Amino acid sequence: MPMLEHHGASIYYEEYGQGFPILTFAPAGLLSRISVWSGPSAPINPMTDLSKHYRVIVMDQRNSGGKSRAPISAEDGWHSFAEDHIALLDHLRIDRCHLYGQCIGGSFIFSLLQRQPQRIASAVIAQAIGRVGPMKPGRTARFDEWAKGLTDHPEATEAALDGFFHNLYDPGFVYSADREFVRSVRTPCLVMYGNDDAHPYAISDELAQLLPNNEAIVEWKSGAALEAAKPRVMAFLEKHTPAQ
């Protein structure tokens, strides 16, 4: 079983296909794990749709209900996930790659772009999460539902969970990065719009306006729009794949 061990975390991953690598981040919020790619919430499944031409890396995020596990503390936040992602790239000896992230994957992408931009050839940001307007008091129902699924985590006290929640979601916008940073990103990005409360259209639209080197697809999640979007994603990746 392919497992990365680092700093107390055990991170499970799988690889599909060959070619220039793409590190992918599945949707489903903190339940982001490999199996979600095969479900109805992921219109584009990197394991099948991208692996014909690329080396696709998929992973269970820490404590997502999959096979990855890590301690939980009040100091955890976006940096904790970024450290997992960097450690996985180091483990696989990948110096440069594309990123493909849906939902919470957008926030993961911006974390990596802040820490190691030189490593990212391009990024596909599909229906990024984000917040429009002020934060409501208390933790969200979705976060508490994730917390109920934690097992064998005696360290996950209410204080630890509160700290983790606020570290993740207090900042607003796309949570892991502010507008000033997004405006400074030079990495080519493909913004695929969201259209619901968890993935607001307004957030995707603002990303498309702020990112200085981006393309955008507004409709892409089903039917003819999805069939038209898939070759556009492949063309974007091909355009920004370094010569081998």
Protein backbone atom coordinates (compact mmCIF):
# COMPACT_ATOMS: atom_id res chain seq x y z
CA MET A 1 0.00 0.00 0.00
CA PRO A 2 1.63 3.31 -1.09
CA MET A 3 1.94 5.32 2.11
CA LEU A 4 4.02 8.37 2.97
CA GLU A 5 5.09 8.81 6.60
CA HIS A 6 6.17 12.27 7.71
CA HIS A 7 6.08 14.22 10.98
CA GLY A 8 3.49 11.92 12.55
CA ALA A 9 1.24 11.84 9.48
CA SER A 10 0.50 8.82 7.29
CA ILE A 11 -0.62 9.86 3.81
CA TYR A 12 -2.10 7.35 1.36
CA TYR A 13 -1.80 7.96 -2.38
CA GLU A 14 -2.20 6.19 -5.71
CA GLU A 15 -0.75 6.77 -9.20
CA TYR A 16 -2.31 6.34 -12.64
CA GLY A 17 -0.84 6.71 -16.12
CA GLN A 18 2.51 8.02 -17.29
CA GLY A 19 3.93 11.32 -18.43
CA PHE A 20 4.23 14.76 -16.85
CA PRO A 21 2.83 14.56 -13.30
CA ILE A 22 -0.45 16.06 -12.08
CA LEU A 23 -1.07 16.19 -8.33
CA THR A 24 -4.83 16.19 -7.72
CA PHE A 25 -7.06 17.19 -4.80
CA ALA A 26 -10.54 15.69 -4.67
CA PRO A 27 -13.72 17.56 -3.69
CA ALA A 28 -15.86 16.99 -0.56
CA GLY A 29 -14.28 19.47 1.84
CA LEU A 30 -12.40 17.84 4.70
CA LEU A 31 -13.66 14.47 3.41
CA SER A 32 -11.47 14.91 0.30
CA ARG A 33 -10.31 11.41 -0.60
CA ILE A 34 -9.62 9.25 -3.63
CA SER A 35 -13.02 7.54 -3.75
CA VAL A 36 -14.80 10.87 -4.27
CA TRP A 37 -13.26 11.17 -7.74
CA SER A 38 -15.39 8.22 -8.87
CA GLY A 39 -18.65 9.70 -7.57
CA PRO A 40 -21.26 12.07 -9.02
CA SER A 41 -19.76 15.17 -7.40
CA ALA A 42 -16.66 14.96 -9.66
CA PRO A 43 -17.66 15.57 -13.31
CA ILE A 44 -14.02 15.17 -14.35
CA ASN A 45 -12.24 12.17 -12.84
CA PRO A 46 -8.46 12.60 -13.20
CA MET A 47 -7.88 8.88 -12.75
CA THR A 48 -9.73 8.13 -15.98
CA ASP A 49 -9.93 11.43 -17.86
CA LEU A 50 -6.35 12.66 -17.44
CA SER A 51 -4.27 9.51 -16.97
CA LYS A 52 -4.24 8.69 -20.69
CA HIS A 53 -1.66 11.42 -21.19
CA TYR A 54 -0.31 12.25 -17.72
CA ARG A 55 1.02 10.69 -14.54
CA VAL A 56 -1.89 11.34 -12.19
CA ILE A 57 -1.35 11.31 -8.42
CA VAL A 58 -4.46 11.07 -6.23
CA MET A 59 -4.49 11.06 -2.44
CA ASP A 60 -6.59 10.78 0.69
CA GLN A 61 -6.23 14.01 2.64
CA ARG A 62 -5.36 13.65 6.32
CA ASN A 63 -8.28 12.48 8.49
CA SER A 64 -10.67 12.52 5.52
CA GLY A 65 -12.25 9.16 6.25
CA GLY A 66 -9.87 7.45 3.84
CA LYS A 67 -6.54 5.81 4.65
CA SER A 68 -4.57 8.94 5.61
CA ARG A 69 -4.24 9.92 9.22
CA ALA A 70 -2.53 12.65 11.24
CA PRO A 71 -2.76 14.12 14.74
CA ILE A 72 -5.20 17.02 15.19
CA SER A 73 -4.33 20.20 17.08
CA ALA A 74 -5.57 23.75 17.51
CA GLU A 75 -2.53 24.93 15.53
CA ASP A 76 -3.46 22.98 12.40
CA GLY A 77 -4.59 24.81 9.29
CA TRP A 78 -3.96 25.09 5.57
CA HIS A 79 -0.23 24.82 6.19
CA SER A 80 -0.73 21.31 7.60
CA PHE A 81 -2.19 20.08 4.31
CA ALA A 82 0.45 21.95 2.30
CA GLU A 83 3.19 20.18 4.24
CA ASP A 84 1.59 16.84 3.32
CA HIS A 85 1.49 17.82 -0.35
CA ILE A 86 5.09 19.02 -0.42
CA ALA A 87 6.26 15.90 1.41
CA LEU A 88 4.43 13.73 -1.14
CA LEU A 89 6.05 15.52 -4.08
CA ASP A 90 9.44 15.15 -2.39
CA HIS A 91 8.76 11.46 -1.71
CA LEU A 92 7.88 10.89 -5.38
CA ARG A 93 10.89 12.99 -6.51
CA ILE A 94 8.68 15.30 -8.51
CA ASP A 95 10.39 18.62 -9.17
CA ARG A 96 7.58 20.13 -11.25
CA CYS A 97 3.94 19.25 -11.85
CA HIS A 98 0.48 20.48 -12.74
CA LEU A 99 -2.21 20.76 -10.05
CA TYR A 100 -5.87 19.83 -10.47
CA GLY A 101 -8.15 20.62 -7.54
CA GLN A 102 -11.92 20.70 -7.14
CA CYS A 103 -13.83 22.31 -4.26
CA ILE A 104 -11.42 22.45 -1.28
CA GLY A 105 -8.72 21.62 -3.83
CA GLY A 106 -8.72 25.27 -4.85
CA SER A 107 -7.60 26.29 -1.37
CA PHE A 108 -4.96 23.55 -1.41
CA ILE A 109 -3.68 24.90 -4.73
CA PHE A 110 -3.31 28.45 -3.42
CA SER A 111 -1.42 27.14 -0.39
CA LEU A 112 1.10 25.42 -2.64
CA LEU A 113 1.38 28.42 -4.93
CA GLN A 114 2.36 30.49 -1.91
CA ARG A 115 4.94 28.05 -0.64
CA GLN A 116 6.51 26.58 -3.79
CA PRO A 117 5.35 28.40 -6.94
CA GLN A 118 8.44 27.32 -8.88
CA ARG A 119 7.22 23.74 -8.62
CA ILE A 120 3.85 24.32 -10.31
CA ALA A 121 3.65 24.42 -14.12
CA SER A 122 -0.08 25.20 -14.14
CA ALA A 123 -3.19 24.77 -12.01
CA VAL A 124 -6.80 23.84 -12.76
CA ILE A 125 -9.11 25.31 -10.10
CA ALA A 126 -12.55 23.71 -10.34
CA GLN A 127 -15.45 25.28 -8.39
CA ALA A 128 -13.30 26.72 -5.61
CA ILE A 129 -14.76 27.02 -2.15
CA GLY A 130 -14.96 30.47 -0.61
CA ARG A 131 -17.06 32.83 1.46
CA VAL A 132 -18.99 35.84 0.27
CA GLY A 133 -19.92 38.18 3.12
CA PRO A 134 -19.38 37.91 6.88
CA MET A 135 -18.76 34.65 8.71
CA LYS A 136 -21.71 33.22 10.62
CA PRO A 137 -21.17 32.53 14.34
CA GLY A 138 -20.13 29.03 15.40
CA ARG A 139 -18.79 26.11 13.42
CA THR A 140 -20.50 24.95 10.25
CA ALA A 141 -22.68 21.85 10.19
CA ARG A 142 -20.42 20.30 7.58
CA PHE A 143 -17.34 20.73 9.78
CA ASP A 144 -19.15 19.21 12.77
CA GLU A 145 -20.32 16.31 10.61
CA TRP A 146 -16.68 15.67 9.64
CA ALA A 147 -15.63 15.90 13.31
CA LYS A 148 -18.22 13.27 14.30
CA GLY A 149 -16.51 10.82 11.96
CA LEU A 150 -13.16 11.05 13.72
CA THR A 151 -12.18 7.86 15.50
CA ASP A 152 -9.21 7.14 17.75
CA HIS A 153 -8.37 10.82 18.04
CA PRO A 154 -8.45 11.57 21.76
CA GLU A 155 -6.42 14.72 21.04
CA ALA A 156 -9.34 16.13 18.99
CA THR A 157 -10.87 18.03 21.88
CA GLU A 158 -13.45 20.76 21.37
CA ALA A 159 -10.69 23.33 21.89
CA ALA A 160 -8.51 21.67 19.24
CA LEU A 161 -11.40 21.44 16.79
CA ASP A 162 -12.36 25.08 17.38
CA GLY A 163 -8.80 26.21 16.71
CA PHE A 164 -8.56 24.11 13.56
CA PHE A 165 -11.91 25.37 12.27
CA HIS A 166 -11.08 29.03 12.78
CA ASN A 167 -7.59 28.65 11.30
CA LEU A 168 -9.19 27.24 8.16
CA TYR A 169 -12.22 29.43 7.67
CA ASP A 170 -11.86 32.75 9.48
CA PRO A 171 -9.89 34.41 6.65
CA GLY A 172 -12.77 34.24 4.14
CA PHE A 173 -12.42 34.70 0.36
CA VAL A 174 -10.71 31.42 -0.73
CA TYR A 175 -9.57 30.86 2.88
CA SER A 176 -5.94 29.90 2.24
CA ALA A 177 -4.93 33.08 0.39
CA ASP A 178 -5.99 36.70 0.25
CA ARG A 179 -6.79 38.83 -2.78
CA GLU A 180 -3.39 40.51 -2.78
CA PHE A 181 -1.65 37.16 -3.15
CA VAL A 182 -4.04 35.90 -5.85
CA ARG A 183 -3.39 39.09 -7.81
CA SER A 184 0.35 38.33 -7.69
CA VAL A 185 0.16 34.74 -9.01
CA ARG A 186 2.00 34.30 -12.30
CA THR A 187 1.34 30.58 -12.68
CA PRO A 188 -1.10 29.80 -15.54
CA CYS A 189 -4.48 28.90 -14.05
CA LEU A 190 -7.71 27.54 -15.48
CA VAL A 191 -10.72 28.68 -13.44
CA MET A 192 -13.77 26.42 -13.73
CA TYR A 193 -16.71 28.17 -12.14
CA GLY A 194 -18.78 27.06 -9.17
CA ASN A 195 -22.47 27.83 -8.90
CA ASP A 196 -23.76 26.98 -5.41
CA ASP A 197 -23.45 28.07 -1.78
CA ALA A 198 -20.33 26.02 -1.04
CA HIS A 199 -18.66 27.00 -4.33
CA PRO A 200 -19.98 30.51 -5.03
CA TYR A 201 -20.11 31.82 -8.57
CA ALA A 202 -18.90 35.15 -7.20
CA ILE A 203 -15.69 33.57 -5.85
CA SER A 204 -14.85 31.93 -9.18
CA ASP A 205 -15.67 35.14 -11.01
CA GLU A 206 -13.39 37.15 -8.74
CA LEU A 207 -10.58 34.63 -9.20
CA ALA A 208 -10.97 34.94 -12.97
CA GLN A 209 -10.67 38.72 -12.64
CA LEU A 210 -7.75 38.73 -10.18
CA LEU A 211 -5.49 36.00 -11.56
CA PRO A 212 -3.24 37.72 -14.12
CA ASN A 213 -2.61 34.61 -16.25
CA ASN A 214 -5.81 32.63 -16.43
CA GLU A 215 -8.42 31.07 -18.67
CA ALA A 216 -11.98 30.40 -17.52
CA ILE A 217 -14.81 27.96 -18.18
CA VAL A 218 -18.16 29.06 -16.78
CA GLU A 219 -20.35 26.06 -17.69
CA TRP A 220 -18.72 22.64 -17.40
CA LYS A 221 -20.41 20.30 -14.94
CA SER A 222 -22.83 18.25 -17.03
CA GLY A 223 -24.18 17.37 -20.47
CA ALA A 224 -22.85 19.12 -23.55
CA ALA A 225 -21.03 21.69 -21.42
CA LEU A 226 -19.00 18.92 -19.75
CA GLU A 227 -18.17 17.28 -23.08
CA ALA A 228 -16.96 20.64 -24.37
CA ALA A 229 -14.98 21.39 -21.20
CA LYS A 230 -12.94 18.17 -21.14
CA PRO A 231 -10.91 18.91 -24.31
CA ARG A 232 -10.40 22.49 -23.11
CA VAL A 233 -8.87 21.16 -19.88
CA MET A 234 -6.61 18.83 -21.87
CA ALA A 235 -5.58 21.66 -24.21
CA PHE A 236 -4.77 23.91 -21.26
CA LEU A 237 -2.60 21.25 -19.63
CA GLU A 238 -0.86 20.43 -22.91
CA LYS A 239 -0.17 24.12 -23.53
CA HIS A 240 1.62 24.46 -20.19
CA THR A 241 3.38 21.09 -20.03
CA PRO A 242 7.15 21.64 -20.16
CA ALA A 243 9.05 19.99 -22.96
CA GLN A 244 10.33 16.61 -21.85
